[in-house]
Amino acid sequence: MTESLEFIKNDVSNLLREDNTGHSIDHVDRVYRLAVELAEKEGADINVVQLAALLHDVDDYKLFGVENAEQLTNARSILDRYCIDQKLAQHVLSIIPSMGYNKYLEG
């Protein structure tokens, strides 16, 4: 999956290149590095963490609208494009909606 991660990161970068909300690829890179570091320390499934960190903002409602945010349209498309195992993809897609500071504030 390591090779796919570079392609996925490139797709994420392309999707977020017009961002002006603070969720550009620089933000994704910071989230990714921290998430991987924590995953390694805690013994988490690194594949799940890597994908969730990379894809967590690709359907941000501020950039892509509420419908994409609710359906995770871009994340699903990317996971499908790189033939990510269905079980892994579903796990990642179940995590993404709960990520983010606003979600933290909501409990």
Protein backbone atom coordinates (compact mmCIF):
# COMPACT_ATOMS: atom_id res chain seq x y z
CA MET A 1 0.00 0.00 0.00
CA THR A 2 2.99 2.31 0.39
CA GLU A 3 3.06 3.05 -3.34
CA SER A 4 -0.65 3.85 -3.37
CA LEU A 5 -0.19 6.33 -0.53
CA GLU A 6 1.90 8.63 -2.73
CA PHE A 7 -0.76 8.57 -5.45
CA ILE A 8 -3.49 9.15 -2.86
CA LYS A 9 -1.56 12.08 -1.38
CA ASN A 10 -1.23 13.56 -4.87
CA ASP A 11 -4.99 13.25 -5.41
CA VAL A 12 -5.64 14.88 -2.02
CA SER A 13 -3.24 17.69 -2.88
CA ASN A 14 -5.07 18.30 -6.16
CA LEU A 15 -8.45 18.37 -4.44
CA LEU A 16 -7.31 20.80 -1.76
CA ARG A 17 -5.15 23.11 -3.87
CA GLU A 18 -7.82 25.84 -3.94
CA ASP A 19 -8.36 25.69 -0.17
CA ASN A 20 -8.48 28.94 1.74
CA THR A 21 -9.95 27.58 4.98
CA GLY A 22 -6.72 26.30 6.52
CA HIS A 23 -7.21 22.71 5.37
CA SER A 24 -4.68 22.62 2.56
CA ILE A 25 -2.21 19.82 1.88
CA ASP A 26 0.10 21.42 4.48
CA HIS A 27 -2.57 20.78 7.12
CA VAL A 28 -3.08 17.23 5.85
CA ASP A 29 0.68 16.62 6.01
CA ARG A 30 0.79 17.78 9.64
CA VAL A 31 -2.18 15.60 10.58
CA TYR A 32 -0.65 12.65 8.73
CA ARG A 33 2.75 12.91 10.43
CA LEU A 34 1.24 13.24 13.90
CA ALA A 35 -1.27 10.45 13.31
CA VAL A 36 1.42 8.05 12.08
CA GLU A 37 3.64 8.90 15.04
CA LEU A 38 0.79 8.21 17.48
CA ALA A 39 -0.25 5.05 15.63
CA GLU A 40 3.25 3.65 15.91
CA LYS A 41 3.44 4.45 19.63
CA GLU A 42 0.00 3.01 20.35
CA GLY A 43 0.16 -0.02 18.07
CA ALA A 44 -2.76 1.10 15.90
CA ASP A 45 -3.44 -0.28 12.44
CA ILE A 46 -1.09 1.92 10.41
CA ASN A 47 -3.01 1.44 7.14
CA VAL A 48 -6.25 2.69 8.68
CA VAL A 49 -4.51 5.65 10.29
CA GLN A 50 -2.62 6.65 7.15
CA LEU A 51 -5.70 6.58 4.96
CA ALA A 52 -7.96 8.34 7.46
CA ALA A 53 -5.36 11.07 8.00
CA LEU A 54 -4.87 11.63 4.27
CA LEU A 55 -8.58 11.60 3.41
CA HIS A 56 -10.08 13.37 6.40
CA ASP A 57 -10.68 16.70 4.60
CA VAL A 58 -11.28 15.66 0.99
CA ASP A 59 -15.03 16.08 1.43
CA ASP A 60 -15.00 19.11 3.75
CA TYR A 61 -18.39 20.78 3.39
CA LYS A 62 -16.77 24.23 3.21
CA LEU A 63 -15.00 23.22 0.02
CA PHE A 64 -17.17 20.52 -1.52
CA GLY A 65 -20.67 21.09 -0.15
CA VAL A 66 -22.85 19.32 2.36
CA GLU A 67 -23.87 16.48 0.05
CA ASN A 68 -20.25 15.47 -0.64
CA ALA A 69 -19.49 15.77 3.07
CA GLU A 70 -22.38 13.49 3.97
CA GLN A 71 -21.68 10.94 1.22
CA LEU A 72 -17.85 11.13 1.46
CA THR A 73 -17.86 11.26 -2.32
CA ASN A 74 -14.20 12.12 -2.86
CA ALA A 75 -12.90 9.74 -0.20
CA ARG A 76 -14.93 6.88 -1.66
CA SER A 77 -13.71 7.70 -5.16
CA ILE A 78 -10.07 7.72 -4.09
CA LEU A 79 -10.37 4.47 -2.15
CA ASP A 80 -12.04 2.83 -5.15
CA ARG A 81 -9.51 4.26 -7.62
CA TYR A 82 -6.64 2.60 -5.77
CA CYS A 83 -8.50 -0.66 -5.13
CA ILE A 84 -8.25 -0.38 -1.37
CA ASP A 85 -9.61 -3.51 0.29
CA GLN A 86 -13.34 -3.07 0.98
CA LYS A 87 -13.07 -3.89 4.69
CA LEU A 88 -10.25 -1.38 5.13
CA ALA A 89 -12.08 1.23 3.05
CA GLN A 90 -15.27 0.85 5.11
CA HIS A 91 -13.30 1.19 8.33
CA VAL A 92 -11.66 4.40 7.07
CA LEU A 93 -15.00 5.77 5.86
CA SER A 94 -16.52 5.09 9.27
CA ILE A 95 -13.77 7.11 10.96
CA ILE A 96 -13.71 10.22 8.77
CA PRO A 97 -17.10 11.66 9.84
CA SER A 98 -16.01 11.69 13.47
CA MET A 99 -12.74 13.49 12.83
CA GLY A 100 -12.20 17.19 13.36
CA TYR A 101 -12.27 19.84 16.01
CA ASN A 102 -15.96 20.61 15.44
CA LYS A 103 -16.79 16.95 16.00
CA TYR A 104 -14.77 17.08 19.22
CA LEU A 105 -16.81 20.07 20.38
CA GLU A 106 -20.01 18.19 19.57
CA GLY A 107 -18.91 15.31 21.81
